[in-house]
Amino acid sequence: MIGMQYKIMLPNDYDMEIIKNRVKTNGSKTDGFEGLLFKAYLVVNSPTKKQYAPLYIWENSEGMNRFIFDGFYKNILNSFGWQTINIGVSSYIDLSDQFDKSQFVLEIEHEIKETQNIATPELTFPDEPSLGKVIIYNPDKWKYTEFYFYEENPVEKSERGSIYEIAHLSL
Protein backbone atom coordinates (compact mmCIF):
# COMPACT_ATOMS: atom_id res chain seq x y z
CA MET A 1 0.00 0.00 0.00
CA ILE A 2 1.07 3.56 -0.60
CA GLY A 3 0.72 6.54 1.74
CA MET A 4 0.32 10.02 0.28
CA GLN A 5 0.03 13.34 2.10
CA TYR A 6 0.40 17.01 1.31
CA LYS A 7 0.59 19.55 4.10
CA ILE A 8 -0.76 22.99 3.36
CA MET A 9 0.36 25.60 5.89
CA LEU A 10 -2.07 28.49 6.13
CA PRO A 11 -1.64 31.95 7.68
CA ASN A 12 -2.43 32.15 11.40
CA ASP A 13 -5.33 34.50 10.66
CA TYR A 14 -6.84 32.10 8.10
CA ASP A 15 -10.51 31.29 8.69
CA MET A 16 -10.48 27.49 9.02
CA GLU A 17 -14.24 27.42 8.44
CA ILE A 18 -13.31 27.80 4.76
CA ILE A 19 -11.50 24.44 4.93
CA LYS A 20 -14.24 22.80 6.98
CA ASN A 21 -16.88 23.98 4.48
CA ARG A 22 -14.71 22.78 1.60
CA VAL A 23 -14.48 19.34 3.21
CA LYS A 24 -18.20 19.30 4.03
CA THR A 25 -19.02 20.12 0.39
CA ASN A 26 -16.41 17.93 -1.33
CA GLY A 27 -15.27 15.32 1.21
CA SER A 28 -17.69 12.62 0.14
CA LYS A 29 -16.35 12.80 -3.44
CA THR A 30 -13.52 10.47 -2.38
CA ASP A 31 -15.83 8.03 -0.59
CA GLY A 32 -15.37 4.74 -2.43
CA PHE A 33 -12.67 6.18 -4.73
CA GLU A 34 -11.06 3.41 -6.79
CA GLY A 35 -8.01 1.95 -5.05
CA LEU A 36 -8.37 4.14 -1.93
CA LEU A 37 -8.28 2.29 1.38
CA PHE A 38 -9.04 5.57 3.17
CA LYS A 39 -8.54 9.32 3.09
CA ALA A 40 -8.46 11.35 6.30
CA TYR A 41 -9.06 15.08 5.82
CA LEU A 42 -6.77 16.35 8.59
CA VAL A 43 -6.79 19.88 9.99
CA VAL A 44 -5.03 21.83 12.72
CA ASN A 45 -6.77 24.97 13.94
CA SER A 46 -4.81 26.54 16.78
CA PRO A 47 -3.82 30.16 17.43
CA THR A 48 -0.26 29.40 16.31
CA LYS A 49 -0.84 26.85 13.54
CA LYS A 50 -3.36 26.47 10.74
CA GLN A 51 -2.88 23.46 8.50
CA TYR A 52 -4.78 21.30 6.05
CA ALA A 53 -3.03 17.94 5.60
CA PRO A 54 -5.05 15.22 3.85
CA LEU A 55 -3.70 11.70 4.33
CA TYR A 56 -4.41 9.00 1.74
CA ILE A 57 -3.70 5.29 1.96
CA TRP A 58 -3.85 3.73 -1.50
CA GLU A 59 -4.18 0.00 -2.15
CA ASN A 60 -2.03 0.40 -5.28
CA SER A 61 -0.66 3.04 -7.61
CA GLU A 62 -3.51 2.96 -10.15
CA GLY A 63 -6.00 4.87 -8.00
CA MET A 64 -3.33 7.30 -6.83
CA ASN A 65 -2.25 7.98 -10.41
CA ARG A 66 -5.86 8.57 -11.44
CA PHE A 67 -6.33 11.00 -8.54
CA ILE A 68 -3.16 12.98 -9.28
CA PHE A 69 -3.24 13.03 -13.10
CA ASP A 70 -6.91 12.78 -14.10
CA GLY A 71 -8.12 16.11 -12.73
CA PHE A 72 -8.98 15.36 -9.09
CA TYR A 73 -5.78 16.91 -7.68
CA LYS A 74 -6.45 19.98 -9.84
CA ASN A 75 -8.81 21.25 -7.11
CA ILE A 76 -5.84 21.49 -4.71
CA LEU A 77 -3.68 23.19 -7.33
CA ASN A 78 -6.41 25.72 -8.13
CA SER A 79 -7.09 26.50 -4.46
CA PHE A 80 -3.62 26.32 -2.88
CA GLY A 81 -1.08 26.28 -5.70
CA TRP A 82 1.70 23.79 -6.28
CA GLN A 83 2.13 21.44 -3.31
CA THR A 84 4.75 18.83 -2.54
CA ILE A 85 3.13 15.42 -2.22
CA ASN A 86 4.89 13.20 0.28
CA ILE A 87 4.77 9.56 -0.81
CA GLY A 88 5.73 6.47 1.17
CA VAL A 89 5.24 2.75 1.45
CA SER A 90 3.25 1.17 4.25
CA SER A 91 5.10 -1.16 6.57
CA TYR A 92 2.24 -1.50 9.05
CA ILE A 93 -1.52 -0.99 8.83
CA ASP A 94 -3.95 -2.12 11.50
CA LEU A 95 -7.47 -0.66 11.30
CA SER A 96 -10.12 -1.77 13.76
CA ASP A 97 -13.70 -2.46 12.76
CA GLN A 98 -14.49 0.83 14.58
CA PHE A 99 -12.02 2.81 12.43
CA ASP A 100 -14.82 4.89 10.89
CA LYS A 101 -15.40 6.49 14.32
CA SER A 102 -11.96 8.14 14.22
CA GLN A 103 -12.05 11.88 15.00
CA PHE A 104 -8.37 12.61 15.72
CA VAL A 105 -4.95 11.54 14.48
CA LEU A 106 -1.62 11.60 16.26
CA GLU A 107 1.25 11.87 13.76
CA ILE A 108 4.79 11.05 14.90
CA GLU A 109 7.67 11.64 12.47
CA HIS A 110 11.05 9.90 12.67
CA GLU A 111 14.34 9.77 10.81
CA ILE A 112 15.76 6.40 9.86
CA LYS A 113 19.38 6.52 10.98
CA GLU A 114 22.18 5.18 8.79
CA THR A 115 23.09 1.66 9.85
CA GLN A 116 24.41 -1.64 8.50
CA ASN A 117 21.50 -3.51 10.12
CA ILE A 118 18.37 -1.72 8.99
CA ALA A 119 15.20 -2.80 10.78
CA THR A 120 11.53 -2.39 10.00
CA PRO A 121 10.17 0.79 11.64
CA GLU A 122 8.33 0.08 14.86
CA LEU A 123 5.43 1.73 16.63
CA THR A 124 6.23 4.09 19.50
CA PHE A 125 3.03 2.91 21.22
CA PRO A 126 2.52 -0.73 20.12
CA ASP A 127 -0.01 -1.47 22.87
CA GLU A 128 -1.85 1.86 22.57
CA PRO A 129 -5.62 1.37 22.39
CA SER A 130 -6.62 3.17 19.21
CA LEU A 131 -8.95 2.75 16.26
CA GLY A 132 -6.09 2.37 13.82
CA LYS A 133 -2.31 2.44 13.49
CA VAL A 134 -0.32 3.05 10.32
CA ILE A 135 3.40 3.33 9.56
CA ILE A 136 4.54 4.85 6.27
CA TYR A 137 8.22 4.96 5.36
CA ASN A 138 10.13 6.76 2.63
CA PRO A 139 13.60 5.36 1.83
CA ASP A 140 14.25 8.28 -0.53
CA LYS A 141 14.26 10.62 2.49
CA TRP A 142 15.05 7.94 5.13
CA LYS A 143 12.07 8.92 7.24
CA TYR A 144 8.99 7.20 8.56
CA THR A 145 5.75 8.44 10.06
CA GLU A 146 3.37 6.78 12.49
CA PHE A 147 -0.34 7.62 12.51
CA TYR A 148 -2.62 6.70 15.42
CA PHE A 149 -6.38 7.15 15.03
CA TYR A 150 -8.65 8.00 17.98
CA GLU A 151 -12.24 8.85 18.76
CA GLU A 152 -11.15 11.18 21.60
CA ASN A 153 -8.41 13.80 21.40
CA PRO A 154 -5.13 12.23 22.65
CA VAL A 155 -4.00 15.58 24.06
CA GLU A 156 -1.76 13.82 26.61
CA LYS A 157 0.42 12.65 23.70
CA SER A 158 0.78 16.07 22.06
CA GLU A 159 4.44 16.35 23.12
CA ARG A 160 5.21 13.25 20.99
CA GLY A 161 3.89 14.61 17.69
CA SER A 162 1.17 16.55 15.91
CA ILE A 163 -2.52 16.07 16.67
CA TYR A 164 -4.98 16.63 13.86
CA GLU A 165 -8.74 16.76 13.85
CA ILE A 166 -10.37 14.62 11.17
CA ALA A 167 -12.82 16.79 9.24
CA HIS A 168 -13.99 13.81 7.14
CA LEU A 169 -12.97 10.20 6.67
CA SER A 170 -13.49 8.63 3.25
CA LEU A 171 -13.53 4.85 3.13
C-alpha atoms as a PDB file:
ATOM      1  CA  MET A   1       0.000   0.000   0.000  1.00  0.00           C
ATOM      2  CA  ILE A   2       1.066   3.564  -0.598  1.00  0.00           C
ATOM      3  CA  GLY A   3       0.718   6.540   1.737  1.00  0.00           C
ATOM      4  CA  MET A   4       0.315  10.018   0.277  1.00  0.00           C
ATOM      5  CA  GLN A   5       0.032  13.336   2.101  1.00  0.00           C
ATOM      6  CA  TYR A   6       0.400  17.010   1.305  1.00  0.00           C
ATOM      7  CA  LYS A   7       0.588  19.548   4.102  1.00  0.00           C
ATOM      8  CA  ILE A   8      -0.764  22.991   3.361  1.00  0.00           C
ATOM      9  CA  MET A   9       0.361  25.597   5.891  1.00  0.00           C
ATOM     10  CA  LEU A  10      -2.065  28.492   6.127  1.00  0.00           C
ATOM     11  CA  PRO A  11      -1.643  31.954   7.679  1.00  0.00           C
ATOM     12  CA  ASN A  12      -2.427  32.154  11.405  1.00  0.00           C
ATOM     13  CA  ASP A  13      -5.326  34.495  10.663  1.00  0.00           C
ATOM     14  CA  TYR A  14      -6.839  32.101   8.099  1.00  0.00           C
ATOM     15  CA  ASP A  15     -10.510  31.292   8.687  1.00  0.00           C
ATOM     16  CA  MET A  16     -10.480  27.490   9.017  1.00  0.00           C
ATOM     17  CA  GLU A  17     -14.243  27.423   8.443  1.00  0.00           C
ATOM     18  CA  ILE A  18     -13.313  27.798   4.761  1.00  0.00           C
ATOM     19  CA  ILE A  19     -11.497  24.438   4.929  1.00  0.00           C
ATOM     20  CA  LYS A  20     -14.242  22.799   6.978  1.00  0.00           C
ATOM     21  CA  ASN A  21     -16.878  23.977   4.481  1.00  0.00           C
ATOM     22  CA  ARG A  22     -14.707  22.778   1.598  1.00  0.00           C
ATOM     23  CA  VAL A  23     -14.484  19.342   3.205  1.00  0.00           C
ATOM     24  CA  LYS A  24     -18.198  19.304   4.025  1.00  0.00           C
ATOM     25  CA  THR A  25     -19.020  20.121   0.387  1.00  0.00           C
ATOM     26  CA  ASN A  26     -16.409  17.928  -1.329  1.00  0.00           C
ATOM     27  CA  GLY A  27     -15.271  15.318   1.209  1.00  0.00           C
ATOM     28  CA  SER A  28     -17.686  12.623   0.145  1.00  0.00           C
ATOM     29  CA  LYS A  29     -16.346  12.799  -3.438  1.00  0.00           C
ATOM     30  CA  THR A  30     -13.520  10.467  -2.383  1.00  0.00           C
ATOM     31  CA  ASP A  31     -15.833   8.031  -0.585  1.00  0.00           C
ATOM     32  CA  GLY A  32     -15.374   4.737  -2.427  1.00  0.00           C
ATOM     33  CA  PHE A  33     -12.672   6.175  -4.731  1.00  0.00           C
ATOM     34  CA  GLU A  34     -11.061   3.409  -6.791  1.00  0.00           C
ATOM     35  CA  GLY A  35      -8.014   1.946  -5.046  1.00  0.00           C
ATOM     36  CA  LEU A  36      -8.368   4.137  -1.932  1.00  0.00           C
ATOM     37  CA  LEU A  37      -8.279   2.291   1.381  1.00  0.00           C
ATOM     38  CA  PHE A  38      -9.044   5.574   3.174  1.00  0.00           C
ATOM     39  CA  LYS A  39      -8.541   9.322   3.093  1.00  0.00           C
ATOM     40  CA  ALA A  40      -8.464  11.347   6.296  1.00  0.00           C
ATOM     41  CA  TYR A  41      -9.056  15.075   5.824  1.00  0.00           C
ATOM     42  CA  LEU A  42      -6.766  16.347   8.586  1.00  0.00           C
ATOM     43  CA  VAL A  43      -6.791  19.882   9.992  1.00  0.00           C
ATOM     44  CA  VAL A  44      -5.029  21.831  12.718  1.00  0.00           C
ATOM     45  CA  ASN A  45      -6.766  24.967  13.943  1.00  0.00           C
ATOM     46  CA  SER A  46      -4.806  26.536  16.783  1.00  0.00           C
ATOM     47  CA  PRO A  47      -3.822  30.163  17.428  1.00  0.00           C
ATOM     48  CA  THR A  48      -0.256  29.398  16.310  1.00  0.00           C
ATOM     49  CA  LYS A  49      -0.838  26.848  13.545  1.00  0.00           C
ATOM     50  CA  LYS A  50      -3.361  26.473  10.737  1.00  0.00           C
ATOM     51  CA  GLN A  51      -2.883  23.463   8.500  1.00  0.00           C
ATOM     52  CA  TYR A  52      -4.778  21.298   6.049  1.00  0.00           C
ATOM     53  CA  ALA A  53      -3.027  17.938   5.604  1.00  0.00           C
ATOM     54  CA  PRO A  54      -5.052  15.223   3.846  1.00  0.00           C
ATOM     55  CA  LEU A  55      -3.703  11.701   4.328  1.00  0.00           C
ATOM     56  CA  TYR A  56      -4.413   9.003   1.740  1.00  0.00           C
ATOM     57  CA  ILE A  57      -3.695   5.291   1.958  1.00  0.00           C
ATOM     58  CA  TRP A  58      -3.852   3.731  -1.503  1.00  0.00           C
ATOM     59  CA  GLU A  59      -4.181  -0.001  -2.148  1.00  0.00           C
ATOM     60  CA  ASN A  60      -2.026   0.399  -5.278  1.00  0.00           C
ATOM     61  CA  SER A  61      -0.656   3.041  -7.609  1.00  0.00           C
ATOM     62  CA  GLU A  62      -3.506   2.961 -10.155  1.00  0.00           C
ATOM     63  CA  GLY A  63      -6.001   4.868  -8.003  1.00  0.00           C
ATOM     64  CA  MET A  64      -3.327   7.298  -6.829  1.00  0.00           C
ATOM     65  CA  ASN A  65      -2.250   7.978 -10.414  1.00  0.00           C
ATOM     66  CA  ARG A  66      -5.856   8.568 -11.437  1.00  0.00           C
ATOM     67  CA  PHE A  67      -6.328  10.998  -8.537  1.00  0.00           C
ATOM     68  CA  ILE A  68      -3.157  12.978  -9.283  1.00  0.00           C
ATOM     69  CA  PHE A  69      -3.243  13.032 -13.102  1.00  0.00           C
ATOM     70  CA  ASP A  70      -6.911  12.780 -14.103  1.00  0.00           C
ATOM     71  CA  GLY A  71      -8.124  16.110 -12.732  1.00  0.00           C
ATOM     72  CA  PHE A  72      -8.983  15.355  -9.087  1.00  0.00           C
ATOM     73  CA  TYR A  73      -5.785  16.915  -7.682  1.00  0.00           C
ATOM     74  CA  LYS A  74      -6.447  19.979  -9.838  1.00  0.00           C
ATOM     75  CA  ASN A  75      -8.805  21.252  -7.110  1.00  0.00           C
ATOM     76  CA  ILE A  76      -5.841  21.487  -4.709  1.00  0.00           C
ATOM     77  CA  LEU A  77      -3.681  23.192  -7.335  1.00  0.00           C
ATOM     78  CA  ASN A  78      -6.414  25.723  -8.127  1.00  0.00           C
ATOM     79  CA  SER A  79      -7.086  26.495  -4.464  1.00  0.00           C
ATOM     80  CA  PHE A  80      -3.623  26.321  -2.879  1.00  0.00           C
ATOM     81  CA  GLY A  81      -1.079  26.276  -5.699  1.00  0.00           C
ATOM     82  CA  TRP A  82       1.697  23.788  -6.278  1.00  0.00           C
ATOM     83  CA  GLN A  83       2.131  21.436  -3.314  1.00  0.00           C
ATOM     84  CA  THR A  84       4.753  18.829  -2.539  1.00  0.00           C
ATOM     85  CA  ILE A  85       3.129  15.420  -2.215  1.00  0.00           C
ATOM     86  CA  ASN A  86       4.889  13.197   0.283  1.00  0.00           C
ATOM     87  CA  ILE A  87       4.770   9.556  -0.805  1.00  0.00           C
ATOM     88  CA  GLY A  88       5.734   6.468   1.171  1.00  0.00           C
ATOM     89  CA  VAL A  89       5.238   2.750   1.453  1.00  0.00           C
ATOM     90  CA  SER A  90       3.252   1.173   4.251  1.00  0.00           C
ATOM     91  CA  SER A  91       5.102  -1.164   6.566  1.00  0.00           C
ATOM     92  CA  TYR A  92       2.237  -1.495   9.049  1.00  0.00           C
ATOM     93  CA  ILE A  93      -1.525  -0.989   8.826  1.00  0.00           C
ATOM     94  CA  ASP A  94      -3.953  -2.115  11.501  1.00  0.00           C
ATOM     95  CA  LEU A  95      -7.469  -0.657  11.300  1.00  0.00           C
ATOM     96  CA  SER A  96     -10.116  -1.766  13.763  1.00  0.00           C
ATOM     97  CA  ASP A  97     -13.702  -2.457  12.761  1.00  0.00           C
ATOM     98  CA  GLN A  98     -14.490   0.831  14.580  1.00  0.00           C
ATOM     99  CA  PHE A  99     -12.019   2.812  12.431  1.00  0.00           C
ATOM    100  CA  ASP A 100     -14.818   4.890  10.891  1.00  0.00           C
ATOM    101  CA  LYS A 101     -15.396   6.488  14.320  1.00  0.00           C
ATOM    102  CA  SER A 102     -11.963   8.144  14.223  1.00  0.00           C
ATOM    103  CA  GLN A 103     -12.055  11.880  14.995  1.00  0.00           C
ATOM    104  CA  PHE A 104      -8.367  12.614  15.722  1.00  0.00           C
ATOM    105  CA  VAL A 105      -4.946  11.539  14.481  1.00  0.00           C
ATOM    106  CA  LEU A 106      -1.615  11.600  16.264  1.00  0.00           C
ATOM    107  CA  GLU A 107       1.247  11.867  13.756  1.00  0.00           C
ATOM    108  CA  ILE A 108       4.794  11.054  14.900  1.00  0.00           C
ATOM    109  CA  GLU A 109       7.666  11.639  12.472  1.00  0.00           C
ATOM    110  CA  HIS A 110      11.055   9.901  12.666  1.00  0.00           C
ATOM    111  CA  GLU A 111      14.345   9.775  10.814  1.00  0.00           C
ATOM    112  CA  ILE A 112      15.758   6.401   9.856  1.00  0.00           C
ATOM    113  CA  LYS A 113      19.384   6.518  10.978  1.00  0.00           C
ATOM    114  CA  GLU A 114      22.179   5.184   8.794  1.00  0.00           C
ATOM    115  CA  THR A 115      23.093   1.657   9.849  1.00  0.00           C
ATOM    116  CA  GLN A 116      24.406  -1.635   8.500  1.00  0.00           C
ATOM    117  CA  ASN A 117      21.502  -3.511  10.122  1.00  0.00           C
ATOM    118  CA  ILE A 118      18.372  -1.718   8.994  1.00  0.00           C
ATOM    119  CA  ALA A 119      15.202  -2.804  10.783  1.00  0.00           C
ATOM    120  CA  THR A 120      11.530  -2.386  10.002  1.00  0.00           C
ATOM    121  CA  PRO A 121      10.168   0.788  11.638  1.00  0.00           C
ATOM    122  CA  GLU A 122       8.328   0.083  14.865  1.00  0.00           C
ATOM    123  CA  LEU A 123       5.429   1.728  16.628  1.00  0.00           C
ATOM    124  CA  THR A 124       6.226   4.088  19.500  1.00  0.00           C
ATOM    125  CA  PHE A 125       3.034   2.909  21.217  1.00  0.00           C
ATOM    126  CA  PRO A 126       2.518  -0.727  20.118  1.00  0.00           C
ATOM    127  CA  ASP A 127      -0.010  -1.466  22.866  1.00  0.00           C
ATOM    128  CA  GLU A 128      -1.847   1.856  22.569  1.00  0.00           C
ATOM    129  CA  PRO A 129      -5.616   1.368  22.387  1.00  0.00           C
ATOM    130  CA  SER A 130      -6.618   3.166  19.214  1.00  0.00           C
ATOM    131  CA  LEU A 131      -8.955   2.750  16.261  1.00  0.00           C
ATOM    132  CA  GLY A 132      -6.089   2.375  13.815  1.00  0.00           C
ATOM    133  CA  LYS A 133      -2.307   2.435  13.491  1.00  0.00           C
ATOM    134  CA  VAL A 134      -0.315   3.048  10.323  1.00  0.00           C
ATOM    135  CA  ILE A 135       3.399   3.328   9.564  1.00  0.00           C
ATOM    136  CA  ILE A 136       4.535   4.852   6.274  1.00  0.00           C
ATOM    137  CA  TYR A 137       8.225   4.961   5.364  1.00  0.00           C
ATOM    138  CA  ASN A 138      10.133   6.760   2.632  1.00  0.00           C
ATOM    139  CA  PRO A 139      13.599   5.358   1.825  1.00  0.00           C
ATOM    140  CA  ASP A 140      14.254   8.283  -0.526  1.00  0.00           C
ATOM    141  CA  LYS A 141      14.262  10.619   2.493  1.00  0.00           C
ATOM    142  CA  TRP A 142      15.050   7.943   5.127  1.00  0.00           C
ATOM    143  CA  LYS A 143      12.069   8.915   7.239  1.00  0.00           C
ATOM    144  CA  TYR A 144       8.993   7.202   8.557  1.00  0.00           C
ATOM    145  CA  THR A 145       5.753   8.437  10.059  1.00  0.00           C
ATOM    146  CA  GLU A 146       3.371   6.782  12.489  1.00  0.00           C
ATOM    147  CA  PHE A 147      -0.339   7.622  12.509  1.00  0.00           C
ATOM    148  CA  TYR A 148      -2.620   6.701  15.425  1.00  0.00           C
ATOM    149  CA  PHE A 149      -6.382   7.152  15.029  1.00  0.00           C
ATOM    150  CA  TYR A 150      -8.649   7.996  17.978  1.00  0.00           C
ATOM    151  CA  GLU A 151     -12.243   8.845  18.756  1.00  0.00           C
ATOM    152  CA  GLU A 152     -11.153  11.181  21.597  1.00  0.00           C
ATOM    153  CA  ASN A 153      -8.414  13.799  21.397  1.00  0.00           C
ATOM    154  CA  PRO A 154      -5.130  12.232  22.645  1.00  0.00           C
ATOM    155  CA  VAL A 155      -4.003  15.580  24.056  1.00  0.00           C
ATOM    156  CA  GLU A 156      -1.764  13.821  26.614  1.00  0.00           C
ATOM    157  CA  LYS A 157       0.418  12.646  23.704  1.00  0.00           C
ATOM    158  CA  SER A 158       0.782  16.072  22.060  1.00  0.00           C
ATOM    159  CA  GLU A 159       4.440  16.350  23.117  1.00  0.00           C
ATOM    160  CA  ARG A 160       5.214  13.249  20.988  1.00  0.00           C
ATOM    161  CA  GLY A 161       3.893  14.611  17.692  1.00  0.00           C
ATOM    162  CA  SER A 162       1.168  16.551  15.909  1.00  0.00           C
ATOM    163  CA  ILE A 163      -2.515  16.072  16.666  1.00  0.00           C
ATOM    164  CA  TYR A 164      -4.982  16.625  13.856  1.00  0.00           C
ATOM    165  CA  GLU A 165      -8.738  16.763  13.852  1.00  0.00           C
ATOM    166  CA  ILE A 166     -10.375  14.624  11.174  1.00  0.00           C
ATOM    167  CA  ALA A 167     -12.824  16.793   9.239  1.00  0.00           C
ATOM    168  CA  HIS A 168     -13.993  13.806   7.140  1.00  0.00           C
ATOM    169  CA  LEU A 169     -12.972  10.200   6.669  1.00  0.00           C
ATOM    170  CA  SER A 170     -13.489   8.630   3.250  1.00  0.00           C
ATOM    171  CA  LEU A 171     -13.532   4.848   3.131  1.00  0.00           C
END
